């Protein structure tokens, strides 16, 4: 699985953020400070709904 960190990470080391991986069937998220603690996986529709709720311009803007 290829994990991606946000370009908006909170610290200069980039360790204070959530990482995201696209698996094909699900979208997985994990805490970058505890990568071995597990991940939360949700279906694409749930991820899109989450992005729509937290991103003013919706999922397309969040993907940039």
PDB file of N, CA and C in Angstrom:
ATOM      1  N   UNK A   1       0.837  -1.165   0.000  1.00  0.00           N
ATOM      2  CA  UNK A   1       0.000   0.000   0.000  1.00  0.00           C
ATOM      3  C   UNK A   1       0.893   1.243   0.000  1.00  0.00           C
ATOM      4  N   UNK A   2       0.574   2.197  -0.836  1.00  0.00           N
ATOM      5  CA  UNK A   2       1.350   3.437  -0.914  1.00  0.00           C
ATOM      6  C   UNK A   2       0.647   4.524  -0.105  1.00  0.00           C
ATOM      7  N   UNK A   3       1.271   4.961   0.982  1.00  0.00           N
ATOM      8  CA  UNK A   3       0.693   5.971   1.855  1.00  0.00           C
ATOM      9  C   UNK A   3       1.128   7.361   1.416  1.00  0.00           C
ATOM     10  N   UNK A   4       0.189   8.316   1.439  1.00  0.00           N
ATOM     11  CA  UNK A   4       0.463   9.705   1.063  1.00  0.00           C
ATOM     12  C   UNK A   4       0.178  10.606   2.254  1.00  0.00           C
ATOM     13  N   UNK A   5       1.038  11.612   2.443  1.00  0.00           N
ATOM     14  CA  UNK A   5       0.831  12.605   3.495  1.00  0.00           C
ATOM     15  C   UNK A   5       0.367  13.904   2.858  1.00  0.00           C
ATOM     16  N   UNK A   6      -0.427  14.628   3.594  1.00  0.00           N
ATOM     17  CA  UNK A   6      -0.909  15.918   3.125  1.00  0.00           C
ATOM     18  C   UNK A   6       0.233  16.913   3.010  1.00  0.00           C
ATOM     19  N   UNK A   7       0.142  17.783   2.020  1.00  0.00           N
ATOM     20  CA  UNK A   7       1.124  18.862   1.901  1.00  0.00           C
ATOM     21  C   UNK A   7       0.887  19.913   2.978  1.00  0.00           C
ATOM     22  N   UNK A   8      -0.218  19.815   3.713  1.00  0.00           N
ATOM     23  CA  UNK A   8      -0.556  20.733   4.790  1.00  0.00           C
ATOM     24  C   UNK A   8      -0.195  20.167   6.153  1.00  0.00           C
ATOM     25  N   UNK A   9       0.726  19.223   6.227  1.00  0.00           N
ATOM     26  CA  UNK A   9       1.113  18.602   7.497  1.00  0.00           C
ATOM     27  C   UNK A   9       1.527  19.668   8.498  1.00  0.00           C
ATOM     28  N   UNK A  10       1.225  19.421   9.774  1.00  0.00           N
ATOM     29  CA  UNK A  10       1.397  20.423  10.811  1.00  0.00           C
ATOM     30  C   UNK A  10       2.815  20.757  11.216  1.00  0.00           C
ATOM     31  N   UNK A  11       3.767  19.869  11.069  1.00  0.00           N
ATOM     32  CA  UNK A  11       5.125  20.174  11.529  1.00  0.00           C
ATOM     33  C   UNK A  11       6.111  20.113  10.370  1.00  0.00           C
ATOM     34  N   UNK A  12       7.283  20.653  10.618  1.00  0.00           N
ATOM     35  CA  UNK A  12       8.299  20.643   9.566  1.00  0.00           C
ATOM     36  C   UNK A  12       8.766  19.224   9.248  1.00  0.00           C
ATOM     37  N   UNK A  13       8.624  18.305  10.205  1.00  0.00           N
ATOM     38  CA  UNK A  13       9.030  16.920   9.949  1.00  0.00           C
ATOM     39  C   UNK A  13       7.947  16.140   9.210  1.00  0.00           C
ATOM     40  N   UNK A  14       6.732  16.703   9.132  1.00  0.00           N
ATOM     41  CA  UNK A  14       5.646  16.036   8.424  1.00  0.00           C
ATOM     42  C   UNK A  14       5.067  14.848   9.148  1.00  0.00           C
ATOM     43  N   UNK A  15       5.311  14.768  10.465  1.00  0.00           N
ATOM     44  CA  UNK A  15       4.836  13.613  11.218  1.00  0.00           C
ATOM     45  C   UNK A  15       3.516  13.862  11.944  1.00  0.00           C
ATOM     46  N   UNK A  16       2.998  15.069  11.907  1.00  0.00           N
ATOM     47  CA  UNK A  16       1.752  15.391  12.599  1.00  0.00           C
ATOM     48  C   UNK A  16       0.602  15.451  11.610  1.00  0.00           C
ATOM     49  N   UNK A  17       0.308  14.330  11.009  1.00  0.00           N
ATOM     50  CA  UNK A  17      -0.766  14.345  10.023  1.00  0.00           C
ATOM     51  C   UNK A  17      -1.389  12.961   9.877  1.00  0.00           C
ATOM     52  N   UNK A  18      -2.408  12.937   9.084  1.00  0.00           N
ATOM     53  CA  UNK A  18      -3.057  11.688   8.725  1.00  0.00           C
ATOM     54  C   UNK A  18      -2.541  11.286   7.358  1.00  0.00           C
ATOM     55  N   UNK A  19      -2.273  10.011   7.182  1.00  0.00           N
ATOM     56  CA  UNK A  19      -1.846   9.489   5.885  1.00  0.00           C
ATOM     57  C   UNK A  19      -3.020   8.779   5.228  1.00  0.00           C
ATOM     58  N   UNK A  20      -3.033   8.804   3.909  1.00  0.00           N
ATOM     59  CA  UNK A  20      -4.120   8.200   3.137  1.00  0.00           C
ATOM     60  C   UNK A  20      -3.530   7.266   2.098  1.00  0.00           C
ATOM     61  N   UNK A  21      -4.191   6.121   1.895  1.00  0.00           N
ATOM     62  CA  UNK A  21      -3.801   5.176   0.847  1.00  0.00           C
ATOM     63  C   UNK A  21      -5.054   4.735   0.106  1.00  0.00           C
ATOM     64  N   UNK A  22      -4.955   4.691  -1.197  1.00  0.00           N
ATOM     65  CA  UNK A  22      -6.065   4.239  -2.035  1.00  0.00           C
ATOM     66  C   UNK A  22      -5.796   2.795  -2.431  1.00  0.00           C
ATOM     67  N   UNK A  23      -6.657   1.887  -1.982  1.00  0.00           N
ATOM     68  CA  UNK A  23      -6.426   0.462  -2.210  1.00  0.00           C
ATOM     69  C   UNK A  23      -7.151  -0.086  -3.433  1.00  0.00           C
ATOM     70  N   UNK A  24      -8.010   0.700  -4.013  1.00  0.00           N
ATOM     71  CA  UNK A  24      -8.840   0.228  -5.113  1.00  0.00           C
ATOM     72  C   UNK A  24     -10.262   0.014  -4.648  1.00  0.00           C
ATOM     73  N   UNK A  25     -10.432  -0.806  -3.623  1.00  0.00           N
ATOM     74  CA  UNK A  25     -11.765  -1.072  -3.086  1.00  0.00           C
ATOM     75  C   UNK A  25     -12.121  -0.149  -1.928  1.00  0.00           C
ATOM     76  N   UNK A  26     -11.097   0.364  -1.228  1.00  0.00           N
ATOM     77  CA  UNK A  26     -11.322   1.230  -0.075  1.00  0.00           C
ATOM     78  C   UNK A  26     -10.306   2.359  -0.038  1.00  0.00           C
ATOM     79  N   UNK A  27     -10.558   3.311   0.837  1.00  0.00           N
ATOM     80  CA  UNK A  27      -9.592   4.361   1.135  1.00  0.00           C
ATOM     81  C   UNK A  27      -9.200   4.154   2.589  1.00  0.00           C
ATOM     82  N   UNK A  28      -7.910   4.020   2.841  1.00  0.00           N
ATOM     83  CA  UNK A  28      -7.411   3.761   4.189  1.00  0.00           C
ATOM     84  C   UNK A  28      -6.775   5.030   4.744  1.00  0.00           C
ATOM     85  N   UNK A  29      -6.978   5.270   6.040  1.00  0.00           N
ATOM     86  CA  UNK A  29      -6.339   6.393   6.720  1.00  0.00           C
ATOM     87  C   UNK A  29      -5.653   5.869   7.975  1.00  0.00           C
ATOM     88  N   UNK A  30      -4.541   6.520   8.330  1.00  0.00           N
ATOM     89  CA  UNK A  30      -3.837   6.143   9.556  1.00  0.00           C
ATOM     90  C   UNK A  30      -3.130   7.366  10.113  1.00  0.00           C
ATOM     91  N   UNK A  31      -2.754   7.285  11.369  1.00  0.00           N
ATOM     92  CA  UNK A  31      -2.018   8.346  12.053  1.00  0.00           C
ATOM     93  C   UNK A  31      -0.539   8.183  11.726  1.00  0.00           C
ATOM     94  N   UNK A  32       0.080   9.228  11.208  1.00  0.00           N
ATOM     95  CA  UNK A  32       1.487   9.112  10.811  1.00  0.00           C
ATOM     96  C   UNK A  32       2.414   8.910  12.000  1.00  0.00           C
ATOM     97  N   UNK A  33       1.984   9.293  13.203  1.00  0.00           N
ATOM     98  CA  UNK A  33       2.813   9.092  14.388  1.00  0.00           C
ATOM     99  C   UNK A  33       2.766   7.647  14.879  1.00  0.00           C
ATOM    100  N   UNK A  34       1.751   6.889  14.446  1.00  0.00           N
ATOM    101  CA  UNK A  34       1.597   5.497  14.890  1.00  0.00           C
ATOM    102  C   UNK A  34       1.180   4.617  13.709  1.00  0.00           C
ATOM    103  N   UNK A  35       2.026   4.509  12.700  1.00  0.00           N
ATOM    104  CA  UNK A  35       1.634   3.786  11.486  1.00  0.00           C
ATOM    105  C   UNK A  35       1.351   2.298  11.683  1.00  0.00           C
ATOM    106  N   UNK A  36       1.891   1.706  12.725  1.00  0.00           N
ATOM    107  CA  UNK A  36       1.634   0.277  12.955  1.00  0.00           C
ATOM    108  C   UNK A  36       0.408   0.031  13.833  1.00  0.00           C
ATOM    109  N   UNK A  37      -0.263   1.096  14.259  1.00  0.00           N
ATOM    110  CA  UNK A  37      -1.430   0.964  15.132  1.00  0.00           C
ATOM    111  C   UNK A  37      -2.690   0.560  14.379  1.00  0.00           C
ATOM    112  N   UNK A  38      -2.621   0.505  13.062  1.00  0.00           N
ATOM    113  CA  UNK A  38      -3.781   0.117  12.277  1.00  0.00           C
ATOM    114  C   UNK A  38      -4.286   1.268  11.434  1.00  0.00           C
ATOM    115  N   UNK A  39      -5.240   0.950  10.597  1.00  0.00           N
ATOM    116  CA  UNK A  39      -5.803   1.941   9.688  1.00  0.00           C
ATOM    117  C   UNK A  39      -7.319   1.808   9.668  1.00  0.00           C
ATOM    118  N   UNK A  40      -7.968   2.907   9.370  1.00  0.00           N
ATOM    119  CA  UNK A  40      -9.403   2.913   9.179  1.00  0.00           C
ATOM    120  C   UNK A  40      -9.654   2.881   7.680  1.00  0.00           C
ATOM    121  N   UNK A  41     -10.404   1.893   7.216  1.00  0.00           N
ATOM    122  CA  UNK A  41     -10.717   1.778   5.783  1.00  0.00           C
ATOM    123  C   UNK A  41     -12.199   2.021   5.566  1.00  0.00           C
ATOM    124  N   UNK A  42     -12.496   2.858   4.567  1.00  0.00           N
ATOM    125  CA  UNK A  42     -13.886   3.190   4.243  1.00  0.00           C
ATOM    126  C   UNK A  42     -14.096   3.038   2.739  1.00  0.00           C
ATOM    127  N   UNK A  43     -15.346   2.798   2.317  1.00  0.00           N
ATOM    128  CA  UNK A  43     -15.623   2.714   0.881  1.00  0.00           C
ATOM    129  C   UNK A  43     -15.501   4.098   0.234  1.00  0.00           C
ATOM    130  N   UNK A  44     -15.253   4.136  -1.078  1.00  0.00           N
ATOM    131  CA  UNK A  44     -15.085   5.414  -1.776  1.00  0.00           C
ATOM    132  C   UNK A  44     -16.237   6.399  -1.571  1.00  0.00           C
ATOM    133  N   UNK A  45     -17.473   5.927  -1.512  1.00  0.00           N
ATOM    134  CA  UNK A  45     -18.613   6.834  -1.319  1.00  0.00           C
ATOM    135  C   UNK A  45     -18.537   7.529   0.037  1.00  0.00           C
ATOM    136  N   UNK A  46     -18.125   6.810   1.064  1.00  0.00           N
ATOM    137  CA  UNK A  46     -17.992   7.402   2.401  1.00  0.00           C
ATOM    138  C   UNK A  46     -16.861   8.422   2.420  1.00  0.00           C
ATOM    139  N   UNK A  47     -15.766   8.125   1.730  1.00  0.00           N
ATOM    140  CA  UNK A  47     -14.636   9.060   1.658  1.00  0.00           C
ATOM    141  C   UNK A  47     -15.055  10.347   0.936  1.00  0.00           C
ATOM    142  N   UNK A  48     -15.791  10.214  -0.155  1.00  0.00           N
ATOM    143  CA  UNK A  48     -16.274  11.395  -0.891  1.00  0.00           C
ATOM    144  C   UNK A  48     -17.207  12.234  -0.022  1.00  0.00           C
ATOM    145  N   UNK A  49     -18.075  11.582   0.739  1.00  0.00           N
ATOM    146  CA  UNK A  49     -18.981  12.307   1.633  1.00  0.00           C
ATOM    147  C   UNK A  49     -18.199  13.038   2.719  1.00  0.00           C
ATOM    148  N   UNK A  50     -17.166  12.404   3.256  1.00  0.00           N
ATOM    149  CA  UNK A  50     -16.309  13.041   4.256  1.00  0.00           C
ATOM    150  C   UNK A  50     -15.634  14.275   3.660  1.00  0.00           C
ATOM    151  N   UNK A  51     -15.033  14.137   2.467  1.00  0.00           N
ATOM    152  CA  UNK A  51     -14.373  15.278   1.845  1.00  0.00           C
ATOM    153  C   UNK A  51     -15.346  16.410   1.542  1.00  0.00           C
ATOM    154  N   UNK A  52     -16.547  16.071   1.113  1.00  0.00           N
ATOM    155  CA  UNK A  52     -17.557  17.093   0.831  1.00  0.00           C
ATOM    156  C   UNK A  52     -17.912  17.863   2.103  1.00  0.00           C
ATOM    157  N   UNK A  53     -17.910  17.171   3.240  1.00  0.00           N
ATOM    158  CA  UNK A  53     -18.269  17.811   4.502  1.00  0.00           C
ATOM    159  C   UNK A  53     -17.156  18.698   5.055  1.00  0.00           C
ATOM    160  N   UNK A  54     -15.893  18.353   4.799  1.00  0.00           N
ATOM    161  CA  UNK A  54     -14.784  19.100   5.410  1.00  0.00           C
ATOM    162  C   UNK A  54     -14.039  20.015   4.446  1.00  0.00           C
ATOM    163  N   UNK A  55     -14.323  19.923   3.167  1.00  0.00           N
ATOM    164  CA  UNK A  55     -13.642  20.740   2.162  1.00  0.00           C
ATOM    165  C   UNK A  55     -14.659  21.675   1.519  1.00  0.00           C
ATOM    166  N   UNK A  56     -14.488  22.987   1.653  1.00  0.00           N
ATOM    167  CA  UNK A  56     -15.481  23.912   1.121  1.00  0.00           C
ATOM    168  C   UNK A  56     -15.828  23.692  -0.354  1.00  0.00           C
ATOM    169  N   UNK A  57     -14.852  23.356  -1.167  1.00  0.00           N
ATOM    170  CA  UNK A  57     -15.098  23.177  -2.600  1.00  0.00           C
ATOM    171  C   UNK A  57     -15.372  21.719  -2.975  1.00  0.00           C
ATOM    172  N   UNK A  58     -15.432  20.825  -2.001  1.00  0.00           N
ATOM    173  CA  UNK A  58     -15.748  19.433  -2.261  1.00  0.00           C
ATOM    174  C   UNK A  58     -14.546  18.567  -2.558  1.00  0.00           C
ATOM    175  N   UNK A  59     -14.802  17.287  -2.895  1.00  0.00           N
ATOM    176  CA  UNK A  59     -13.729  16.308  -3.097  1.00  0.00           C
ATOM    177  C   UNK A  59     -12.739  16.670  -4.192  1.00  0.00           C
ATOM    178  N   UNK A  60     -13.182  17.292  -5.264  1.00  0.00           N
ATOM    179  CA  UNK A  60     -12.257  17.623  -6.355  1.00  0.00           C
ATOM    180  C   UNK A  60     -11.179  18.591  -5.880  1.00  0.00           C
ATOM    181  N   UNK A  61     -11.540  19.550  -5.046  1.00  0.00           N
ATOM    182  CA  UNK A  61     -10.558  20.505  -4.528  1.00  0.00           C
ATOM    183  C   UNK A  61      -9.596  19.828  -3.562  1.00  0.00           C
ATOM    184  N   UNK A  62     -10.081  18.864  -2.803  1.00  0.00           N
ATOM    185  CA  UNK A  62      -9.227  18.163  -1.843  1.00  0.00           C
ATOM    186  C   UNK A  62      -8.189  17.296  -2.535  1.00  0.00           C
ATOM    187  N   UNK A  63      -8.463  16.858  -3.739  1.00  0.00           N
ATOM    188  CA  UNK A  63      -7.543  15.979  -4.467  1.00  0.00           C
ATOM    189  C   UNK A  63      -6.362  16.722  -5.058  1.00  0.00           C
ATOM    190  N   UNK A  64      -6.411  18.019  -5.074  1.00  0.00           N
ATOM    191  CA  UNK A  64      -5.310  18.807  -5.666  1.00  0.00           C
ATOM    192  C   UNK A  64      -4.087  18.820  -4.815  1.00  0.00           C
TER     193      UNK A  64
END
